Amino acid sequence: GDHTLNQYGSGAGLPDLVKALEHKLATENG
C-alpha cells in the first residue's frame, strides 16, 4: 500500500537497499 513505490526511484537504488548492500559488501566481501 506504499504509494511512493509507484513513483520513479533513485537511479542508484532505494536508500535502505543501498545501505544494506554497503554493509554486506564491506563485512562479507571485504
PDB file of all heavy atoms in Angstrom:
ATOM      1  N   GLY A   1       0.788  -1.227   0.000  1.00  0.00           N
ATOM      2  CA  GLY A   1       0.000   0.000   0.000  1.00  0.00           C
ATOM      3  C   GLY A   1       0.820   1.277   0.000  1.00  0.00           C
ATOM      4  O   GLY A   1       0.252   2.379   0.122  1.00  0.00           O
ATOM      5  N   ASP A   2       2.122   1.156  -0.123  1.00  0.00           N
ATOM      6  CA  ASP A   2       3.002   2.333  -0.107  1.00  0.00           C
ATOM      7  C   ASP A   2       2.984   2.987  -1.494  1.00  0.00           C
ATOM      8  O   ASP A   2       3.619   2.512  -2.431  1.00  0.00           O
ATOM      9  CB  ASP A   2       4.423   1.912   0.264  1.00  0.00           C
ATOM     10  CG  ASP A   2       5.374   3.101   0.412  1.00  0.00           C
ATOM     11  OD1 ASP A   2       4.989   4.223   0.044  1.00  0.00           O
ATOM     12  OD2 ASP A   2       6.505   2.885   0.890  1.00  0.00           O
ATOM     13  N   HIS A   3       2.257   4.072  -1.618  1.00  0.00           N
ATOM     14  CA  HIS A   3       2.080   4.712  -2.920  1.00  0.00           C
ATOM     15  C   HIS A   3       3.359   5.351  -3.444  1.00  0.00           C
ATOM     16  O   HIS A   3       3.466   5.615  -4.648  1.00  0.00           O
ATOM     17  CB  HIS A   3       0.959   5.753  -2.840  1.00  0.00           C
ATOM     18  CG  HIS A   3      -0.367   5.170  -2.460  1.00  0.00           C
ATOM     19  ND1 HIS A   3      -0.997   4.197  -3.214  1.00  0.00           N
ATOM     20  CD2 HIS A   3      -1.178   5.407  -1.394  1.00  0.00           C
ATOM     21  CE1 HIS A   3      -2.139   3.859  -2.638  1.00  0.00           C
ATOM     22  NE2 HIS A   3      -2.273   4.567  -1.533  1.00  0.00           N
ATOM     23  N   THR A   4       4.325   5.601  -2.585  1.00  0.00           N
ATOM     24  CA  THR A   4       5.580   6.194  -3.067  1.00  0.00           C
ATOM     25  C   THR A   4       6.336   5.228  -3.981  1.00  0.00           C
ATOM     26  O   THR A   4       7.147   5.663  -4.806  1.00  0.00           O
ATOM     27  CB  THR A   4       6.488   6.592  -1.894  1.00  0.00           C
ATOM     28  OG1 THR A   4       6.883   5.413  -1.170  1.00  0.00           O
ATOM     29  CG2 THR A   4       5.778   7.557  -0.958  1.00  0.00           C
ATOM     30  N   LEU A   5       6.035   3.936  -3.839  1.00  0.00           N
ATOM     31  CA  LEU A   5       6.717   2.949  -4.677  1.00  0.00           C
ATOM     32  C   LEU A   5       6.197   2.959  -6.109  1.00  0.00           C
ATOM     33  O   LEU A   5       6.766   2.297  -6.982  1.00  0.00           O
ATOM     34  CB  LEU A   5       6.562   1.557  -4.070  1.00  0.00           C
ATOM     35  CG  LEU A   5       7.185   1.369  -2.684  1.00  0.00           C
ATOM     36  CD1 LEU A   5       6.911  -0.038  -2.161  1.00  0.00           C
ATOM     37  CD2 LEU A   5       8.686   1.639  -2.713  1.00  0.00           C
ATOM     38  N   ASN A   6       5.115   3.698  -6.354  1.00  0.00           N
ATOM     39  CA  ASN A   6       4.612   3.846  -7.711  1.00  0.00           C
ATOM     40  C   ASN A   6       5.370   4.922  -8.488  1.00  0.00           C
ATOM     41  O   ASN A   6       5.210   5.035  -9.707  1.00  0.00           O
ATOM     42  CB  ASN A   6       3.126   4.216  -7.696  1.00  0.00           C
ATOM     43  CG  ASN A   6       2.269   3.147  -7.053  1.00  0.00           C
ATOM     44  OD1 ASN A   6       2.512   1.963  -7.245  1.00  0.00           O
ATOM     45  ND2 ASN A   6       1.273   3.556  -6.283  1.00  0.00           N
ATOM     46  N   GLN A   7       6.174   5.672  -7.778  1.00  0.00           N
ATOM     47  CA  GLN A   7       6.920   6.765  -8.405  1.00  0.00           C
ATOM     48  C   GLN A   7       8.292   6.279  -8.881  1.00  0.00           C
ATOM     49  O   GLN A   7       8.738   5.187  -8.540  1.00  0.00           O
ATOM     50  CB  GLN A   7       7.100   7.913  -7.389  1.00  0.00           C
ATOM     51  CG  GLN A   7       5.807   8.394  -6.775  1.00  0.00           C
ATOM     52  CD  GLN A   7       4.823   8.900  -7.818  1.00  0.00           C
ATOM     53  OE1 GLN A   7       5.197   9.617  -8.742  1.00  0.00           O
ATOM     54  NE2 GLN A   7       3.553   8.521  -7.674  1.00  0.00           N
ATOM     55  N   TYR A   8       8.969   7.133  -9.664  1.00  0.00           N
ATOM     56  CA  TYR A   8      10.347   6.836 -10.016  1.00  0.00           C
ATOM     57  C   TYR A   8      11.197   6.877  -8.756  1.00  0.00           C
ATOM     58  O   TYR A   8      11.004   7.723  -7.877  1.00  0.00           O
ATOM     59  CB  TYR A   8      10.897   7.861 -11.008  1.00  0.00           C
ATOM     60  CG  TYR A   8      10.274   7.790 -12.385  1.00  0.00           C
ATOM     61  CD1 TYR A   8       9.590   8.878 -12.913  1.00  0.00           C
ATOM     62  CD2 TYR A   8      10.384   6.642 -13.163  1.00  0.00           C
ATOM     63  CE1 TYR A   8       9.032   8.829 -14.178  1.00  0.00           C
ATOM     64  CE2 TYR A   8       9.834   6.575 -14.429  1.00  0.00           C
ATOM     65  CZ  TYR A   8       9.152   7.674 -14.937  1.00  0.00           C
ATOM     66  OH  TYR A   8       8.602   7.611 -16.189  1.00  0.00           O
ATOM     67  N   GLY A   9      12.176   5.978  -8.694  1.00  0.00           N
ATOM     68  CA  GLY A   9      13.077   5.956  -7.551  1.00  0.00           C
ATOM     69  C   GLY A   9      14.468   6.425  -7.925  1.00  0.00           C
ATOM     70  O   GLY A   9      14.735   6.805  -9.072  1.00  0.00           O
ATOM     71  N   SER A  10      15.347   6.380  -6.977  1.00  0.00           N
ATOM     72  CA  SER A  10      16.740   6.766  -7.203  1.00  0.00           C
ATOM     73  C   SER A  10      17.401   5.812  -8.178  1.00  0.00           C
ATOM     74  O   SER A  10      17.191   4.586  -8.105  1.00  0.00           O
ATOM     75  CB  SER A  10      17.502   6.751  -5.872  1.00  0.00           C
ATOM     76  OG  SER A  10      18.902   6.789  -6.087  1.00  0.00           O
ATOM     77  N   GLY A  11      18.194   6.346  -9.087  1.00  0.00           N
ATOM     78  CA  GLY A  11      18.914   5.507 -10.028  1.00  0.00           C
ATOM     79  C   GLY A  11      19.879   4.570  -9.345  1.00  0.00           C
ATOM     80  O   GLY A  11      20.106   3.441  -9.816  1.00  0.00           O
ATOM     81  N   ALA A  12      20.449   4.995  -8.235  1.00  0.00           N
ATOM     82  CA  ALA A  12      21.401   4.154  -7.505  1.00  0.00           C
ATOM     83  C   ALA A  12      20.709   3.024  -6.768  1.00  0.00           C
ATOM     84  O   ALA A  12      21.298   1.962  -6.550  1.00  0.00           O
ATOM     85  CB  ALA A  12      22.201   4.996  -6.520  1.00  0.00           C
ATOM     86  N   GLY A  13      19.449   3.238  -6.395  1.00  0.00           N
ATOM     87  CA  GLY A  13      18.716   2.229  -5.650  1.00  0.00           C
ATOM     88  C   GLY A  13      18.014   2.821  -4.446  1.00  0.00           C
ATOM     89  O   GLY A  13      18.341   3.938  -4.004  1.00  0.00           O
ATOM     90  N   LEU A  14      17.039   2.101  -3.901  1.00  0.00           N
ATOM     91  CA  LEU A  14      16.378   2.552  -2.683  1.00  0.00           C
ATOM     92  C   LEU A  14      17.419   2.753  -1.585  1.00  0.00           C
ATOM     93  O   LEU A  14      18.275   1.892  -1.388  1.00  0.00           O
ATOM     94  CB  LEU A  14      15.353   1.515  -2.216  1.00  0.00           C
ATOM     95  CG  LEU A  14      14.011   1.427  -2.964  1.00  0.00           C
ATOM     96  CD1 LEU A  14      13.184   0.286  -2.382  1.00  0.00           C
ATOM     97  CD2 LEU A  14      13.255   2.732  -2.873  1.00  0.00           C
ATOM     98  N   PRO A  15      17.340   3.860  -0.853  1.00  0.00           N
ATOM     99  CA  PRO A  15      18.344   4.115   0.193  1.00  0.00           C
ATOM    100  C   PRO A  15      18.513   2.964   1.180  1.00  0.00           C
ATOM    101  O   PRO A  15      19.644   2.617   1.551  1.00  0.00           O
ATOM    102  CB  PRO A  15      17.809   5.381   0.875  1.00  0.00           C
ATOM    103  CG  PRO A  15      17.064   6.091  -0.215  1.00  0.00           C
ATOM    104  CD  PRO A  15      16.415   5.000  -1.022  1.00  0.00           C
ATOM    105  N   ASP A  16      17.407   2.339   1.600  1.00  0.00           N
ATOM    106  CA  ASP A  16      17.511   1.231   2.552  1.00  0.00           C
ATOM    107  C   ASP A  16      18.247   0.043   1.941  1.00  0.00           C
ATOM    108  O   ASP A  16      19.024  -0.645   2.623  1.00  0.00           O
ATOM    109  CB  ASP A  16      16.130   0.780   3.016  1.00  0.00           C
ATOM    110  CG  ASP A  16      15.485   1.757   3.979  1.00  0.00           C
ATOM    111  OD1 ASP A  16      16.185   2.673   4.457  1.00  0.00           O
ATOM    112  OD2 ASP A  16      14.274   1.608   4.245  1.00  0.00           O
ATOM    113  N   LEU A  17      18.015  -0.203   0.650  1.00  0.00           N
ATOM    114  CA  LEU A  17      18.700  -1.314  -0.013  1.00  0.00           C
ATOM    115  C   LEU A  17      20.170  -1.000  -0.215  1.00  0.00           C
ATOM    116  O   LEU A  17      21.033  -1.858   0.022  1.00  0.00           O
ATOM    117  CB  LEU A  17      18.043  -1.615  -1.357  1.00  0.00           C
ATOM    118  CG  LEU A  17      18.697  -2.721  -2.192  1.00  0.00           C
ATOM    119  CD1 LEU A  17      18.795  -4.025  -1.400  1.00  0.00           C
ATOM    120  CD2 LEU A  17      17.938  -2.946  -3.494  1.00  0.00           C
ATOM    121  N   VAL A  18      20.468   0.203  -0.647  1.00  0.00           N
ATOM    122  CA  VAL A  18      21.871   0.588  -0.837  1.00  0.00           C
ATOM    123  C   VAL A  18      22.635   0.458   0.474  1.00  0.00           C
ATOM    124  O   VAL A  18      23.764  -0.064   0.513  1.00  0.00           O
ATOM    125  CB  VAL A  18      21.969   2.027  -1.390  1.00  0.00           C
ATOM    126  CG1 VAL A  18      23.417   2.516  -1.371  1.00  0.00           C
ATOM    127  CG2 VAL A  18      21.418   2.085  -2.810  1.00  0.00           C
ATOM    128  N   LYS A  19      22.019   0.897   1.565  1.00  0.00           N
ATOM    129  CA  LYS A  19      22.667   0.804   2.879  1.00  0.00           C
ATOM    130  C   LYS A  19      22.915  -0.652   3.267  1.00  0.00           C
ATOM    131  O   LYS A  19      24.003  -1.015   3.753  1.00  0.00           O
ATOM    132  CB  LYS A  19      21.800   1.485   3.931  1.00  0.00           C
ATOM    133  CG  LYS A  19      22.415   1.507   5.327  1.00  0.00           C
ATOM    134  CD  LYS A  19      21.528   2.256   6.314  1.00  0.00           C
ATOM    135  CE  LYS A  19      22.139   2.270   7.705  1.00  0.00           C
ATOM    136  NZ  LYS A  19      21.258   2.995   8.684  1.00  0.00           N
ATOM    137  N   ALA A  20      21.932  -1.516   3.018  1.00  0.00           N
ATOM    138  CA  ALA A  20      22.087  -2.941   3.348  1.00  0.00           C
ATOM    139  C   ALA A  20      23.162  -3.589   2.480  1.00  0.00           C
ATOM    140  O   ALA A  20      23.947  -4.422   2.959  1.00  0.00           O
ATOM    141  CB  ALA A  20      20.749  -3.662   3.166  1.00  0.00           C
ATOM    142  N   LEU A  21      23.218  -3.215   1.219  1.00  0.00           N
ATOM    143  CA  LEU A  21      24.241  -3.768   0.325  1.00  0.00           C
ATOM    144  C   LEU A  21      25.630  -3.271   0.701  1.00  0.00           C
ATOM    145  O   LEU A  21      26.610  -4.030   0.633  1.00  0.00           O
ATOM    146  CB  LEU A  21      23.929  -3.403  -1.125  1.00  0.00           C
ATOM    147  CG  LEU A  21      22.698  -4.094  -1.729  1.00  0.00           C
ATOM    148  CD1 LEU A  21      22.384  -3.518  -3.102  1.00  0.00           C
ATOM    149  CD2 LEU A  21      22.913  -5.603  -1.820  1.00  0.00           C
ATOM    150  N   GLU A  22      25.734  -2.025   1.086  1.00  0.00           N
ATOM    151  CA  GLU A  22      27.030  -1.496   1.518  1.00  0.00           C
ATOM    152  C   GLU A  22      27.550  -2.277   2.718  1.00  0.00           C
ATOM    153  O   GLU A  22      28.747  -2.599   2.789  1.00  0.00           O
ATOM    154  CB  GLU A  22      26.890  -0.011   1.872  1.00  0.00           C
ATOM    155  CG  GLU A  22      26.723   0.890   0.661  1.00  0.00           C
ATOM    156  CD  GLU A  22      26.455   2.333   1.032  1.00  0.00           C
ATOM    157  OE1 GLU A  22      26.053   2.592   2.197  1.00  0.00           O
ATOM    158  OE2 GLU A  22      26.611   3.208   0.164  1.00  0.00           O
ATOM    159  N   HIS A  23      26.647  -2.596   3.654  1.00  0.00           N
ATOM    160  CA  HIS A  23      27.059  -3.369   4.827  1.00  0.00           C
ATOM    161  C   HIS A  23      27.500  -4.770   4.414  1.00  0.00           C
ATOM    162  O   HIS A  23      28.545  -5.260   4.873  1.00  0.00           O
ATOM    163  CB  HIS A  23      25.895  -3.455   5.814  1.00  0.00           C
ATOM    164  CG  HIS A  23      26.186  -4.305   7.017  1.00  0.00           C
ATOM    165  ND1 HIS A  23      27.002  -3.875   8.052  1.00  0.00           N
ATOM    166  CD2 HIS A  23      25.785  -5.575   7.337  1.00  0.00           C
ATOM    167  CE1 HIS A  23      27.083  -4.834   8.963  1.00  0.00           C
ATOM    168  NE2 HIS A  23      26.364  -5.866   8.549  1.00  0.00           N
ATOM    169  N   LYS A  24      26.723  -5.411   3.536  1.00  0.00           N
ATOM    170  CA  LYS A  24      27.056  -6.759   3.079  1.00  0.00           C
ATOM    171  C   LYS A  24      28.392  -6.774   2.352  1.00  0.00           C
ATOM    172  O   LYS A  24      29.248  -7.650   2.577  1.00  0.00           O
ATOM    173  CB  LYS A  24      25.928  -7.282   2.195  1.00  0.00           C
ATOM    174  CG  LYS A  24      26.161  -8.678   1.611  1.00  0.00           C
ATOM    175  CD  LYS A  24      26.681  -8.630   0.187  1.00  0.00           C
ATOM    176  CE  LYS A  24      26.834 -10.014  -0.415  1.00  0.00           C
ATOM    177  NZ  LYS A  24      27.485 -10.004  -1.731  1.00  0.00           N
ATOM    178  N   LEU A  25      28.613  -5.839   1.452  1.00  0.00           N
ATOM    179  CA  LEU A  25      29.847  -5.797   0.659  1.00  0.00           C
ATOM    180  C   LEU A  25      31.073  -5.558   1.531  1.00  0.00           C
ATOM    181  O   LEU A  25      32.145  -6.120   1.283  1.00  0.00           O
ATOM    182  CB  LEU A  25      29.733  -4.709  -0.409  1.00  0.00           C
ATOM    183  CG  LEU A  25      28.761  -5.012  -1.554  1.00  0.00           C
ATOM    184  CD1 LEU A  25      28.432  -3.738  -2.318  1.00  0.00           C
ATOM    185  CD2 LEU A  25      29.354  -6.057  -2.493  1.00  0.00           C
ATOM    186  N   ALA A  26      30.921  -4.726   2.548  1.00  0.00           N
ATOM    187  CA  ALA A  26      32.052  -4.420   3.425  1.00  0.00           C
ATOM    188  C   ALA A  26      32.360  -5.570   4.379  1.00  0.00           C
ATOM    189  O   ALA A  26      33.527  -5.943   4.568  1.00  0.00           O
ATOM    190  CB  ALA A  26      31.774  -3.136   4.209  1.00  0.00           C
ATOM    191  N   THR A  27      31.321  -6.161   4.972  1.00  0.00           N
ATOM    192  CA  THR A  27      31.546  -7.170   6.017  1.00  0.00           C
ATOM    193  C   THR A  27      31.741  -8.573   5.457  1.00  0.00           C
ATOM    194  O   THR A  27      32.536  -9.358   5.977  1.00  0.00           O
ATOM    195  CB  THR A  27      30.374  -7.179   7.006  1.00  0.00           C
ATOM    196  OG1 THR A  27      29.147  -7.436   6.301  1.00  0.00           O
ATOM    197  CG2 THR A  27      30.274  -5.836   7.723  1.00  0.00           C
ATOM    198  N   GLU A  28      31.008  -8.929   4.392  1.00  0.00           N
ATOM    199  CA  GLU A  28      31.098 -10.285   3.846  1.00  0.00           C
ATOM    200  C   GLU A  28      32.108 -10.396   2.704  1.00  0.00           C
ATOM    201  O   GLU A  28      32.785 -11.423   2.585  1.00  0.00           O
ATOM    202  CB  GLU A  28      29.718 -10.743   3.353  1.00  0.00           C
ATOM    203  CG  GLU A  28      28.686 -10.889   4.457  1.00  0.00           C
ATOM    204  CD  GLU A  28      27.366 -11.442   3.938  1.00  0.00           C
ATOM    205  OE1 GLU A  28      27.356 -12.070   2.862  1.00  0.00           O
ATOM    206  OE2 GLU A  28      26.344 -11.246   4.627  1.00  0.00           O
ATOM    207  N   ASN A  29      32.197  -9.371   1.881  1.00  0.00           N
ATOM    208  CA  ASN A  29      33.075  -9.436   0.710  1.00  0.00           C
ATOM    209  C   ASN A  29      34.397  -8.714   0.896  1.00  0.00           C
ATOM    210  O   ASN A  29      35.312  -8.893   0.094  1.00  0.00           O
ATOM    211  CB  ASN A  29      32.364  -8.864  -0.524  1.00  0.00           C
ATOM    212  CG  ASN A  29      31.090  -9.606  -0.866  1.00  0.00           C
ATOM    213  OD1 ASN A  29      29.996  -9.073  -0.744  1.00  0.00           O
ATOM    214  ND2 ASN A  29      31.206 -10.856  -1.300  1.00  0.00           N
ATOM    215  N   GLY A  30      34.503  -7.901   1.929  1.00  0.00           N
ATOM    216  CA  GLY A  30      35.757  -7.206   2.205  1.00  0.00           C
ATOM    217  C   GLY A  30      36.112  -6.137   1.189  1.00  0.00           C
ATOM    218  O   GLY A  30      37.287  -5.788   1.026  1.00  0.00           O
TER     219      GLY A  30
END
